[in-house]
N, C-alpha and C. Protein backbone atom coordinates (compact mmCIF):
# COMPACT_ATOMS: atom_id res chain seq x y z
N MET A 1 0.79 -1.12 -0.06
CA MET A 1 -0.02 -0.12 -0.15
C MET A 1 1.07 1.33 0.07
N THR A 2 2.12 1.20 0.54
CA THR A 2 2.83 2.21 0.49
C THR A 2 3.20 3.25 -0.95
N LYS A 3 3.21 2.40 -1.83
CA LYS A 3 3.19 2.81 -3.18
C LYS A 3 2.12 3.91 -3.67
N PHE A 4 0.89 3.77 -3.10
CA PHE A 4 -0.24 4.52 -3.18
C PHE A 4 -0.29 6.03 -1.99
N LEU A 5 1.10 5.93 -1.70
CA LEU A 5 1.30 7.28 -0.53
C LEU A 5 2.60 7.90 -1.05
N GLU A 6 3.16 7.67 -2.37
CA GLU A 6 4.41 8.03 -2.55
C GLU A 6 4.28 9.39 -3.21
N GLU A 7 4.97 10.25 -2.82
CA GLU A 7 5.21 11.77 -3.42
C GLU A 7 6.03 11.48 -4.99
N THR A 8 5.35 12.02 -5.96
CA THR A 8 6.52 12.06 -7.10
C THR A 8 6.40 13.59 -7.99
N ASP A 9 7.13 13.86 -9.07
CA ASP A 9 7.07 15.03 -9.33
C ASP A 9 5.80 15.68 -9.82
N ILE A 10 4.75 14.93 -10.17
CA ILE A 10 3.48 15.18 -10.27
C ILE A 10 2.83 15.42 -9.08
N ILE A 11 2.87 14.26 -8.23
CA ILE A 11 2.04 14.30 -6.93
C ILE A 11 2.66 14.99 -6.18
N ASP A 12 3.08 15.96 -6.00
CA ASP A 12 4.18 16.82 -5.21
C ASP A 12 3.51 17.45 -3.88
N TYR A 13 3.13 16.54 -2.94
CA TYR A 13 2.34 17.02 -1.72
C TYR A 13 3.34 18.00 -0.89
N SER A 14 4.76 17.74 -0.80
CA SER A 14 5.34 18.72 0.31
C SER A 14 5.43 19.87 -0.44
N ASN A 15 4.89 20.48 -1.46
CA ASN A 15 4.49 21.85 -1.37
C ASN A 15 3.75 22.44 -0.42
N GLN A 16 4.50 23.85 -0.23
CA GLN A 16 4.08 24.41 1.05
C GLN A 16 2.69 24.67 0.72
N GLU A 17 1.77 25.18 -0.44
CA GLU A 17 0.57 25.24 -0.18
C GLU A 17 -0.49 24.07 -0.22
N ILE A 18 0.19 23.08 -0.80
CA ILE A 18 -0.61 21.72 -0.72
C ILE A 18 -0.34 21.31 1.07
N GLN A 19 0.43 21.54 1.49
CA GLN A 19 0.71 21.04 2.80
C GLN A 19 -0.09 21.84 3.83
N LYS A 20 -0.19 23.26 3.68
CA LYS A 20 -1.02 24.01 4.30
C LYS A 20 -2.64 23.70 4.13
N LEU A 21 -3.16 23.40 2.71
CA LEU A 21 -4.36 23.20 2.57
C LEU A 21 -4.65 21.89 3.14
N SER A 22 -3.86 20.82 2.96
CA SER A 22 -4.13 19.44 3.42
C SER A 22 -4.18 19.34 5.11
N LYS A 23 -3.73 20.29 5.38
CA LYS A 23 -4.15 20.27 6.99
C LYS A 23 -5.01 20.98 7.19
N SER A 24 -5.70 21.91 6.93
CA SER A 24 -6.77 22.74 7.18
C SER A 24 -7.99 21.74 6.86
N LEU A 25 -8.03 20.94 5.76
CA LEU A 25 -8.98 20.27 5.33
C LEU A 25 -9.18 18.90 6.49
N SER A 26 -7.95 18.78 7.02
CA SER A 26 -8.37 17.44 7.92
C SER A 26 -8.34 18.15 9.65
N THR A 27 -8.45 19.41 9.83
CA THR A 27 -8.63 19.85 11.16
C THR A 27 -9.98 19.50 11.74
N ASP A 28 -10.04 18.93 12.88
CA ASP A 28 -11.23 18.39 13.42
C ASP A 28 -11.82 17.27 13.04
N CYS A 29 -11.08 16.62 11.90
CA CYS A 29 -11.55 15.39 11.26
C CYS A 29 -11.38 14.44 12.40
N ARG A 30 -12.03 13.35 12.79
CA ARG A 30 -11.96 12.17 13.44
C ARG A 30 -11.76 11.01 12.56
N THR A 31 -12.03 10.97 11.46
CA THR A 31 -12.01 9.53 10.51
C THR A 31 -11.40 9.95 9.40
N ASP A 32 -10.71 9.00 8.48
CA ASP A 32 -10.23 8.95 7.18
C ASP A 32 -11.44 9.38 6.29
N ILE A 33 -12.45 9.10 6.57
CA ILE A 33 -13.89 9.26 5.70
C ILE A 33 -14.15 10.91 5.70
N GLU A 34 -13.79 11.52 6.95
CA GLU A 34 -14.14 12.84 7.01
C GLU A 34 -13.17 13.78 6.12
N ILE A 35 -12.03 13.23 6.40
CA ILE A 35 -11.06 14.03 5.74
C ILE A 35 -10.97 13.72 4.30
N ALA A 36 -11.41 12.55 3.99
CA ALA A 36 -11.37 12.32 2.15
C ALA A 36 -12.77 12.99 1.92
N LYS A 37 -13.56 13.27 2.53
CA LYS A 37 -14.80 14.08 1.82
C LYS A 37 -14.59 15.42 1.76
N ASN A 38 -14.03 16.06 2.82
CA ASN A 38 -13.44 17.22 2.69
C ASN A 38 -12.39 17.78 1.50
N CYS A 39 -11.54 16.91 1.19
CA CYS A 39 -10.48 16.98 0.44
C CYS A 39 -11.23 16.77 -1.10
N PHE A 40 -11.97 15.67 -1.30
CA PHE A 40 -12.73 15.76 -2.41
C PHE A 40 -13.59 16.57 -2.86
N GLU A 41 -14.44 17.40 -1.83
CA GLU A 41 -15.61 18.51 -2.06
C GLU A 41 -14.48 19.51 -2.32
N TYR A 42 -13.50 19.80 -1.73
CA TYR A 42 -12.51 20.98 -2.30
C TYR A 42 -12.09 21.04 -3.47
N VAL A 43 -11.69 19.86 -4.16
CA VAL A 43 -11.16 19.81 -5.47
C VAL A 43 -12.30 19.85 -6.45
N ARG A 44 -13.44 19.21 -6.10
CA ARG A 44 -14.53 19.19 -7.02
C ARG A 44 -15.09 20.56 -7.21
N ASP A 45 -15.43 21.28 -6.05
CA ASP A 45 -16.03 22.77 -5.94
C ASP A 45 -15.18 24.00 -6.02
N ASN A 46 -13.98 23.60 -5.85
CA ASN A 46 -12.98 24.98 -5.79
C ASN A 46 -12.06 25.12 -6.93
N ILE A 47 -11.87 24.04 -7.79
CA ILE A 47 -10.77 23.85 -8.82
C ILE A 47 -11.75 23.84 -9.86
N ASN A 48 -11.37 24.85 -11.16
CA ASN A 48 -12.54 24.72 -11.99
C ASN A 48 -11.99 23.60 -13.03
N HIS A 49 -12.84 22.94 -13.76
CA HIS A 49 -12.75 21.87 -14.72
C HIS A 49 -12.30 22.79 -15.97
N SER A 50 -11.10 22.72 -16.80
CA SER A 50 -10.73 23.10 -17.65
C SER A 50 -11.43 23.50 -19.13
N GLY A 51 -12.19 22.08 -19.17
CA GLY A 51 -13.35 22.04 -20.39
C GLY A 51 -14.49 22.79 -20.02
N ASP A 52 -15.11 22.66 -18.84
CA ASP A 52 -16.46 23.39 -18.51
C ASP A 52 -16.17 25.14 -18.78
N TYR A 53 -14.86 25.71 -18.39
CA TYR A 53 -14.58 26.96 -17.97
C TYR A 53 -13.92 27.48 -19.29
N GLN A 54 -13.38 26.53 -20.44
CA GLN A 54 -12.63 26.86 -21.41
C GLN A 54 -11.62 27.46 -20.99
N ASP A 55 -10.73 27.26 -20.00
CA ASP A 55 -9.66 28.00 -19.57
C ASP A 55 -8.55 27.51 -20.53
N ASN A 56 -7.70 28.63 -21.06
CA ASN A 56 -6.50 28.25 -21.96
C ASN A 56 -5.19 28.18 -20.95
N ILE A 57 -5.23 27.33 -20.02
CA ILE A 57 -4.07 26.91 -19.64
C ILE A 57 -4.21 25.51 -18.89
N THR A 58 -3.16 24.71 -19.17
CA THR A 58 -3.21 23.22 -18.81
C THR A 58 -2.21 22.97 -17.78
N THR A 59 -3.04 22.67 -16.72
CA THR A 59 -2.25 22.42 -15.50
C THR A 59 -1.78 20.65 -15.47
N CYS A 60 -0.79 20.56 -14.92
CA CYS A 60 -0.49 18.73 -14.47
C CYS A 60 -0.13 18.47 -13.17
N LYS A 61 0.83 19.00 -12.65
CA LYS A 61 1.76 18.95 -11.29
C LYS A 61 0.24 19.31 -10.43
N ALA A 62 0.22 18.79 -9.12
CA ALA A 62 -0.84 19.28 -8.27
C ALA A 62 -0.56 20.78 -7.49
N SER A 63 0.79 20.87 -7.48
CA SER A 63 1.07 22.11 -6.97
C SER A 63 0.57 23.41 -7.91
N ASP A 64 0.46 23.22 -9.06
CA ASP A 64 0.21 23.88 -10.37
C ASP A 64 -1.23 24.06 -10.27
N VAL A 65 -1.88 22.91 -10.21
CA VAL A 65 -3.60 22.78 -10.16
C VAL A 65 -4.15 23.50 -9.16
N LEU A 66 -3.39 23.70 -7.74
CA LEU A 66 -3.71 24.20 -6.71
C LEU A 66 -3.55 25.64 -7.05
N LYS A 67 -2.43 26.09 -7.70
CA LYS A 67 -2.19 27.44 -7.87
C LYS A 67 -2.72 28.51 -8.90
N TYR A 68 -3.37 27.65 -9.76
CA TYR A 68 -3.95 28.43 -10.95
C TYR A 68 -5.46 27.91 -10.67
N LYS A 69 -5.91 27.03 -9.77
CA LYS A 69 -7.12 26.59 -9.60
C LYS A 69 -7.98 26.51 -10.77
N THR A 70 -7.40 25.71 -11.66
CA THR A 70 -7.97 24.93 -12.90
C THR A 70 -7.20 23.63 -13.24
N GLY A 71 -8.02 22.95 -13.92
CA GLY A 71 -7.22 21.69 -14.39
C GLY A 71 -8.13 20.80 -14.99
N TRP A 72 -7.84 19.95 -16.18
CA TRP A 72 -8.65 19.24 -16.85
C TRP A 72 -9.03 17.92 -15.67
N CYS A 73 -9.79 16.89 -16.14
CA CYS A 73 -9.99 15.88 -14.81
C CYS A 73 -8.94 15.15 -14.51
N TYR A 74 -7.85 15.00 -15.28
CA TYR A 74 -6.79 14.43 -15.21
C TYR A 74 -5.89 15.06 -14.24
N ALA A 75 -5.88 16.34 -14.26
CA ALA A 75 -5.15 17.42 -13.08
C ALA A 75 -5.67 17.41 -12.03
N LYS A 76 -7.07 17.71 -12.00
CA LYS A 76 -7.83 17.57 -10.60
C LYS A 76 -7.17 16.46 -9.99
N ILE A 77 -7.41 15.11 -10.58
CA ILE A 77 -7.30 13.76 -9.72
C ILE A 77 -5.78 14.25 -9.38
N HIS A 78 -4.82 14.76 -9.83
CA HIS A 78 -3.40 14.85 -9.24
C HIS A 78 -3.50 15.62 -7.91
N LEU A 79 -4.21 16.82 -7.71
CA LEU A 79 -4.34 17.46 -6.66
C LEU A 79 -5.04 16.72 -5.64
N LEU A 80 -6.14 16.13 -5.98
CA LEU A 80 -6.75 15.35 -4.92
C LEU A 80 -5.95 14.14 -4.25
N ALA A 81 -5.12 13.18 -5.04
CA ALA A 81 -4.43 12.66 -4.63
C ALA A 81 -2.79 13.20 -3.90
N ALA A 82 -2.64 14.36 -3.94
CA ALA A 82 -1.79 14.93 -3.40
C ALA A 82 -2.16 15.34 -1.77
N LEU A 83 -3.49 15.77 -1.90
CA LEU A 83 -4.12 15.93 -0.42
C LEU A 83 -4.19 14.94 0.30
N LEU A 84 -4.71 13.82 -0.46
CA LEU A 84 -5.00 12.72 0.45
C LEU A 84 -3.93 12.17 1.00
N ARG A 85 -2.72 11.88 0.01
CA ARG A 85 -1.45 11.21 0.48
C ARG A 85 -0.70 12.11 1.71
N ALA A 86 -0.83 13.33 1.39
CA ALA A 86 -0.55 14.31 2.64
C ALA A 86 -0.89 14.01 4.07
N ASN A 87 -2.20 13.35 3.85
CA ASN A 87 -3.11 13.15 4.86
C ASN A 87 -2.88 11.64 5.31
N ASN A 88 -1.90 11.08 4.55
CA ASN A 88 -1.39 9.47 4.95
C ASN A 88 -2.68 8.40 4.54
N ILE A 89 -3.41 8.97 3.59
CA ILE A 89 -4.55 8.29 2.89
C ILE A 89 -4.26 7.51 2.01
N PRO A 90 -3.95 5.99 1.38
CA PRO A 90 -3.67 6.00 0.37
C PRO A 90 -4.77 6.24 -1.03
N THR A 91 -4.10 6.55 -1.94
CA THR A 91 -4.96 7.00 -3.35
C THR A 91 -4.37 6.66 -4.43
N GLY A 92 -5.14 6.00 -5.41
CA GLY A 92 -4.61 5.80 -6.65
C GLY A 92 -5.34 6.57 -7.69
N PHE A 93 -5.05 6.11 -9.07
CA PHE A 93 -5.91 6.70 -10.35
C PHE A 93 -6.55 5.61 -10.66
N PHE A 94 -7.70 5.92 -11.49
CA PHE A 94 -8.65 5.12 -12.21
C PHE A 94 -9.24 5.74 -13.40
N TYR A 95 -9.07 5.26 -14.35
CA TYR A 95 -9.72 5.71 -15.56
C TYR A 95 -10.82 5.28 -16.19
N GLN A 96 -11.52 5.78 -16.98
CA GLN A 96 -12.77 5.61 -18.10
C GLN A 96 -12.24 5.73 -19.52
N ARG A 97 -12.75 4.89 -20.41
CA ARG A 97 -12.87 5.52 -21.70
C ARG A 97 -14.17 5.69 -22.19
N LEU A 98 -14.49 7.19 -22.15
CA LEU A 98 -15.51 7.73 -22.50
C LEU A 98 -15.99 8.23 -23.84
N SER A 99 -17.02 8.76 -24.55
CA SER A 99 -17.48 9.41 -25.59
C SER A 99 -17.05 10.73 -25.03
N CYS A 100 -16.21 11.46 -26.11
CA CYS A 100 -16.00 13.33 -25.59
C CYS A 100 -16.60 14.00 -26.89
N SER A 101 -17.79 13.57 -27.26
CA SER A 101 -18.62 14.19 -28.24
C SER A 101 -18.83 15.88 -27.94
N GLU A 102 -18.72 16.10 -26.59
CA GLU A 102 -19.52 17.38 -26.19
C GLU A 102 -18.49 18.24 -26.69
N TYR A 103 -17.18 17.90 -26.93
CA TYR A 103 -16.13 18.89 -27.31
C TYR A 103 -15.67 18.59 -28.88
N LYS A 104 -15.80 17.25 -29.44
CA LYS A 104 -15.81 17.15 -30.74
C LYS A 104 -16.33 15.85 -30.99
N LYS A 105 -16.94 15.89 -32.41
CA LYS A 105 -17.92 14.85 -32.74
C LYS A 105 -17.15 13.34 -32.77
N ASP A 106 -17.87 12.47 -32.49
CA ASP A 106 -17.03 11.01 -32.70
C ASP A 106 -15.90 10.63 -32.22
N ILE A 107 -15.36 11.03 -31.06
CA ILE A 107 -14.34 10.68 -30.44
C ILE A 107 -14.52 10.35 -28.90
N TYR A 108 -13.53 9.37 -28.90
CA TYR A 108 -13.52 8.79 -27.38
C TYR A 108 -12.20 9.31 -26.53
N CYS A 109 -12.08 9.69 -25.52
CA CYS A 109 -11.03 9.62 -24.72
C CYS A 109 -11.12 9.16 -23.36
N LEU A 110 -9.81 9.52 -22.52
CA LEU A 110 -10.05 9.09 -21.19
C LEU A 110 -10.53 9.84 -20.03
N HIS A 111 -10.96 9.39 -19.07
CA HIS A 111 -11.58 9.99 -18.17
C HIS A 111 -11.01 9.85 -17.03
N GLY A 112 -10.55 10.79 -15.92
CA GLY A 112 -9.74 10.67 -14.96
C GLY A 112 -10.55 10.52 -13.47
N LEU A 113 -10.41 9.65 -12.81
CA LEU A 113 -10.95 9.50 -11.30
C LEU A 113 -9.82 9.03 -10.43
N ASN A 114 -10.17 9.14 -9.16
CA ASN A 114 -9.39 8.80 -7.95
C ASN A 114 -9.88 7.62 -7.22
N ALA A 115 -9.22 6.59 -6.99
CA ALA A 115 -9.50 5.47 -6.07
C ALA A 115 -9.02 5.94 -4.38
N ILE A 116 -9.57 5.75 -3.47
CA ILE A 116 -9.18 6.19 -2.23
C ILE A 116 -9.35 4.76 -1.47
N TYR A 117 -8.61 4.39 -0.64
CA TYR A 117 -8.46 3.25 0.40
C TYR A 117 -8.77 3.98 1.51
N LEU A 118 -10.23 3.76 2.06
CA LEU A 118 -10.77 3.72 3.14
C LEU A 118 -10.58 2.65 4.17
N LYS A 119 -10.51 2.90 5.22
CA LYS A 119 -10.21 1.66 6.54
C LYS A 119 -11.50 1.32 6.54
N ASP A 120 -12.66 1.43 6.28
CA ASP A 120 -14.01 0.52 6.56
C ASP A 120 -14.56 0.28 5.48
N TYR A 121 -14.01 0.59 4.21
CA TYR A 121 -14.78 0.09 2.98
C TYR A 121 -13.81 -0.58 2.07
N GLY A 122 -12.54 -0.04 1.75
CA GLY A 122 -11.35 -0.78 0.95
C GLY A 122 -11.39 0.47 -0.03
N TRP A 123 -11.08 0.12 -1.34
CA TRP A 123 -11.05 0.95 -2.26
C TRP A 123 -12.32 1.56 -2.56
N TYR A 124 -12.51 3.09 -2.74
CA TYR A 124 -13.74 3.57 -3.21
C TYR A 124 -13.38 4.65 -4.10
N LYS A 125 -14.10 4.56 -5.35
CA LYS A 125 -14.04 5.63 -6.26
C LYS A 125 -14.77 6.85 -6.39
N VAL A 126 -14.02 8.03 -6.69
CA VAL A 126 -14.44 9.11 -6.75
C VAL A 126 -14.32 10.24 -7.92
N ASP A 127 -15.17 11.05 -8.46
CA ASP A 127 -15.07 11.76 -9.47
C ASP A 127 -15.10 13.13 -8.99
N ALA A 128 -14.09 14.00 -9.08
CA ALA A 128 -13.81 15.22 -8.65
C ALA A 128 -13.88 16.27 -9.72
N ARG A 129 -14.37 15.64 -10.88
CA ARG A 129 -14.02 16.75 -12.07
C ARG A 129 -14.85 18.03 -12.05
N GLY A 130 -15.90 18.06 -11.45
CA GLY A 130 -16.86 19.20 -10.94
C GLY A 130 -18.14 18.93 -11.46
N ASN A 131 -19.42 19.61 -10.69
CA ASN A 131 -20.40 19.27 -11.18
C ASN A 131 -21.14 19.84 -11.87
N LYS A 132 -22.12 19.94 -12.39
CA LYS A 132 -22.76 20.99 -13.52
C LYS A 132 -24.13 20.23 -13.80
N GLU A 133 -24.82 21.01 -14.93
CA GLU A 133 -26.09 20.22 -15.19
C GLU A 133 -25.89 19.13 -15.99
N GLY A 134 -26.52 18.17 -15.37
CA GLY A 134 -26.59 16.78 -15.72
C GLY A 134 -25.32 15.64 -15.09
N VAL A 135 -24.56 16.58 -14.16
CA VAL A 135 -23.53 15.94 -13.53
C VAL A 135 -23.48 16.22 -12.01
N ASN A 136 -23.46 15.06 -11.41
CA ASN A 136 -24.07 14.90 -9.74
C ASN A 136 -23.04 14.35 -9.30
N ALA A 137 -21.88 14.09 -9.16
CA ALA A 137 -20.77 13.30 -8.29
C ALA A 137 -20.85 13.67 -6.59
N GLN A 138 -20.94 12.44 -6.10
CA GLN A 138 -20.92 12.92 -4.69
C GLN A 138 -19.96 11.84 -3.86
N PHE A 139 -19.77 12.15 -2.55
CA PHE A 139 -18.90 11.24 -1.31
C PHE A 139 -19.84 11.06 -0.74
N ASN A 140 -20.14 9.29 -0.65
CA ASN A 140 -21.20 8.85 0.17
C ASN A 140 -20.81 7.35 0.17
N PRO A 141 -19.59 6.85 0.91
CA PRO A 141 -19.38 5.72 0.83
C PRO A 141 -20.23 4.91 1.79
N PRO A 142 -20.59 3.57 1.30
CA PRO A 142 -19.92 3.05 0.16
C PRO A 142 -20.48 3.11 -1.23
N ILE A 143 -21.68 3.87 -1.40
CA ILE A 143 -22.23 4.02 -2.56
C ILE A 143 -21.06 4.90 -3.51
N GLU A 144 -20.96 4.68 -4.56
CA GLU A 144 -20.09 5.21 -5.58
C GLU A 144 -20.78 5.96 -6.55
N GLN A 145 -20.87 7.25 -6.45
CA GLN A 145 -21.89 8.19 -7.22
C GLN A 145 -20.91 9.16 -8.08
N LEU A 146 -20.59 8.55 -9.24
CA LEU A 146 -19.51 9.26 -10.20
C LEU A 146 -20.12 10.01 -11.19
N ALA A 147 -19.65 10.79 -12.03
CA ALA A 147 -20.13 12.00 -12.97
C ALA A 147 -20.91 11.31 -14.13
N PHE A 148 -20.45 10.18 -14.62
CA PHE A 148 -21.00 9.48 -15.70
C PHE A 148 -21.27 8.15 -15.74
N GLU A 149 -22.53 7.57 -16.23
CA GLU A 149 -22.72 6.10 -16.45
C GLU A 149 -22.14 5.81 -17.66
N LEU A 150 -21.66 4.61 -17.68
CA LEU A 150 -20.92 4.14 -18.88
C LEU A 150 -22.21 3.67 -19.78
N ALA A 151 -21.78 3.98 -21.01
CA ALA A 151 -22.80 3.98 -22.23
C ALA A 151 -22.16 3.16 -23.21
N GLU A 152 -22.90 2.82 -24.26
CA GLU A 152 -22.29 1.70 -25.39
C GLU A 152 -20.62 2.24 -25.89
N ASN A 153 -19.87 1.37 -26.01
CA ASN A 153 -18.79 1.60 -26.24
C ASN A 153 -17.66 2.24 -25.45
N GLU A 154 -18.14 2.31 -24.18
CA GLU A 154 -17.37 3.23 -22.88
C GLU A 154 -16.67 2.09 -22.08
N PHE A 155 -15.91 2.20 -21.35
CA PHE A 155 -15.76 1.25 -20.45
C PHE A 155 -14.49 1.58 -19.19
N ASP A 156 -14.43 1.15 -18.13
CA ASP A 156 -13.68 1.07 -17.16
C ASP A 156 -12.45 0.65 -17.47
N LEU A 157 -11.34 1.06 -17.41
CA LEU A 157 -10.01 0.05 -17.19
C LEU A 157 -9.85 -0.38 -15.96
N PRO A 158 -8.85 -1.45 -16.25
CA PRO A 158 -9.33 -2.57 -15.14
C PRO A 158 -8.55 -2.56 -14.17
N LYS A 159 -7.97 -1.79 -13.47
CA LYS A 159 -6.83 -1.53 -12.54
C LYS A 159 -6.97 -0.34 -11.79
N ILE A 160 -6.50 -0.09 -10.69
CA ILE A 160 -6.21 1.27 -9.92
C ILE A 160 -4.60 1.33 -9.98
N TYR A 161 -4.08 2.62 -10.57
CA TYR A 161 -2.64 2.81 -10.58
C TYR A 161 -2.26 3.53 -9.61
N GLU A 162 -1.11 3.23 -9.30
CA GLU A 162 -0.28 4.13 -8.50
C GLU A 162 -0.01 5.72 -8.90
N ASN A 163 0.42 5.68 -10.17
CA ASN A 163 0.94 6.60 -10.75
C ASN A 163 -0.08 7.08 -12.00
N PRO A 164 0.05 8.48 -12.44
CA PRO A 164 -1.03 8.75 -13.42
C PRO A 164 -0.51 8.00 -14.55
N LEU A 165 -1.24 7.65 -15.77
CA LEU A 165 -0.63 7.26 -16.92
C LEU A 165 0.14 8.28 -17.79
N GLU A 166 1.21 7.70 -18.35
CA GLU A 166 2.22 8.31 -19.00
C GLU A 166 1.43 9.00 -19.93
N VAL A 167 0.41 8.67 -20.93
CA VAL A 167 0.11 9.30 -21.81
C VAL A 167 -0.88 10.47 -21.51
N VAL A 168 -1.45 10.38 -20.26
CA VAL A 168 -1.95 11.63 -19.56
C VAL A 168 -1.00 12.70 -19.48
N ILE A 169 0.29 12.14 -18.64
CA ILE A 169 1.13 13.11 -18.17
C ILE A 169 1.73 13.71 -19.66
N GLN A 170 1.98 13.19 -20.65
CA GLN A 170 2.36 13.75 -21.70
C GLN A 170 1.55 14.88 -22.35
N THR A 171 0.27 14.14 -22.39
CA THR A 171 -0.61 15.18 -23.14
C THR A 171 -0.56 16.41 -22.31
N LEU A 172 -0.81 16.71 -21.24
CA LEU A 172 -0.99 17.72 -20.12
C LEU A 172 0.32 18.25 -20.28
N GLU A 173 1.33 17.87 -20.41
CA GLU A 173 2.41 18.40 -20.46
C GLU A 173 2.95 19.37 -22.15
N LYS A 174 2.12 18.76 -22.84
CA LYS A 174 2.45 19.20 -24.20
C LYS A 174 1.58 20.15 -24.88
N PHE A 175 0.44 20.03 -24.79
CA PHE A 175 -0.88 20.71 -24.92
C PHE A 175 -1.44 21.63 -24.15
N LYS A 176 -1.51 23.04 -24.46
CA LYS A 176 -1.29 24.01 -23.12
C LYS A 176 -2.58 24.79 -23.38
N THR A 177 -3.44 24.86 -24.55
CA THR A 177 -4.64 25.84 -24.69
C THR A 177 -5.63 24.94 -24.79
N TYR A 178 -6.92 25.57 -24.60
CA TYR A 178 -8.36 24.86 -24.34
C TYR A 178 -8.33 23.97 -26.11
N ASP A 179 -8.24 24.65 -27.21
CA ASP A 179 -8.18 24.15 -28.48
C ASP A 179 -7.17 22.91 -28.74
N GLU A 180 -6.07 23.18 -28.32
CA GLU A 180 -4.85 22.22 -28.44
C GLU A 180 -5.58 20.77 -27.54
N MET A 181 -6.13 21.09 -26.38
CA MET A 181 -6.52 19.77 -25.78
C MET A 181 -7.63 19.05 -25.90
N ILE A 182 -8.60 19.73 -26.81
CA ILE A 182 -9.70 19.03 -27.47
C ILE A 182 -9.66 18.31 -28.64
N ASN A 183 -8.38 18.60 -29.28
CA ASN A 183 -7.95 18.09 -30.62
C ASN A 183 -7.03 16.98 -30.09
N ASN A 184 -6.48 16.76 -29.05
CA ASN A 184 -5.45 15.91 -28.43
C ASN A 184 -5.49 15.34 -27.43
N PHE A 185 -7.01 14.82 -27.02
CA PHE A 185 -7.22 14.30 -25.50
C PHE A 185 -6.60 12.95 -25.48
N PRO A 186 -5.93 12.46 -24.56
CA PRO A 186 -5.36 11.28 -24.22
C PRO A 186 -6.33 10.20 -24.43
N ASP A 187 -5.91 9.16 -24.94
CA ASP A 187 -6.87 7.77 -25.29
C ASP A 187 -6.16 6.68 -25.00
N ILE A 188 -6.93 5.40 -24.98
CA ILE A 188 -6.45 3.94 -24.75
C ILE A 188 -7.50 3.20 -25.44
N GLU A 189 -6.78 2.37 -26.08
CA GLU A 189 -7.91 1.41 -26.52
C GLU A 189 -7.48 -0.35 -26.24
N LEU A 190 -8.15 -1.04 -26.09
CA LEU A 190 -8.10 -2.42 -25.98
C LEU A 190 -7.82 -3.07 -27.17
N THR A 191 -6.63 -3.46 -27.46
CA THR A 191 -6.38 -4.43 -28.47
C THR A 191 -7.13 -5.78 -28.40
N GLU A 192 -7.48 -6.38 -29.63
CA GLU A 192 -8.33 -7.86 -29.13
C GLU A 192 -7.00 -8.64 -29.49
N THR A 193 -6.13 -8.31 -30.20
CA THR A 193 -5.05 -9.75 -30.19
C THR A 193 -4.28 -9.93 -28.83
N ASP A 194 -4.01 -8.83 -28.14
CA ASP A 194 -2.88 -9.07 -26.85
C ASP A 194 -3.65 -8.85 -25.57
N ASN A 195 -5.05 -8.32 -25.81
CA ASN A 195 -5.68 -8.33 -24.70
C ASN A 195 -5.16 -6.88 -23.77
N LYS A 196 -4.36 -6.28 -24.35
CA LYS A 196 -3.38 -5.15 -23.65
C LYS A 196 -4.03 -3.78 -23.99
N TYR A 197 -3.76 -2.84 -23.32
CA TYR A 197 -3.92 -1.43 -23.68
C TYR A 197 -2.96 -0.65 -24.19
N GLU A 198 -3.56 -0.01 -25.45
CA GLU A 198 -2.31 0.80 -26.32
C GLU A 198 -2.58 2.24 -26.07
N GLU A 199 -1.90 3.27 -25.29
CA GLU A 199 -2.07 4.46 -25.22
C GLU A 199 -1.80 5.17 -26.08
N THR A 200 -2.53 6.10 -26.58
CA THR A 200 -2.62 6.86 -27.82
C THR A 200 -2.95 8.22 -27.70
N ASN A 201 -2.42 9.31 -28.19
CA ASN A 201 -3.27 10.84 -28.20
C ASN A 201 -4.27 10.67 -29.08
N ASN A 202 -5.38 11.22 -29.00
CA ASN A 202 -6.64 11.20 -29.91
C ASN A 202 -6.18 12.29 -30.93
N LEU A 203 -5.79 11.93 -31.76
CA LEU A 203 -5.41 13.17 -32.99
C LEU A 203 -6.66 13.25 -33.95
N PRO A 204 -6.44 14.75 -34.61
CA PRO A 204 -7.73 14.67 -35.14
C PRO A 204 -7.27 13.87 -36.73
């Protein structure tokens, strides 16, 4: 479980502002559930989803997400992981492959979520992308209320990752504007021949 608590260049929770926020969100909390709920709701409600707000800045590192108060779903889960790991709560990364037709017709891309290890429930998935009309993600363990229900040709990737996928990091570091991102969302496909996932950028 220690690998789900590690600090990395992306999940940089020793950053002073992340440390300060992680402590304030855990003040007076008695359980890991209370801490996790506070951290989840902070990221969900106080960090803009870059797609919803059409922000022309692409963040990646947890500290930058907090600094600029914006991030695509992939970046928001980096901040949530940093806040939770700073509070010694094991946190991983979970991905879905969804239709991204709200941005561009007939494309699919990855969607980023977190998996939090809660002492009373085990792994619990949350979606901190940010609520809006038609999206109502909540923290109510053991019930998982995520942002989207899977539709035809959509699927969950079959594991919880200790680190963000490399294709996600590469995309966030390379494409810096709203228009660049919606034309290059990270994608992953299940190949029928070897039953393994192949990471790609969703190029136009």
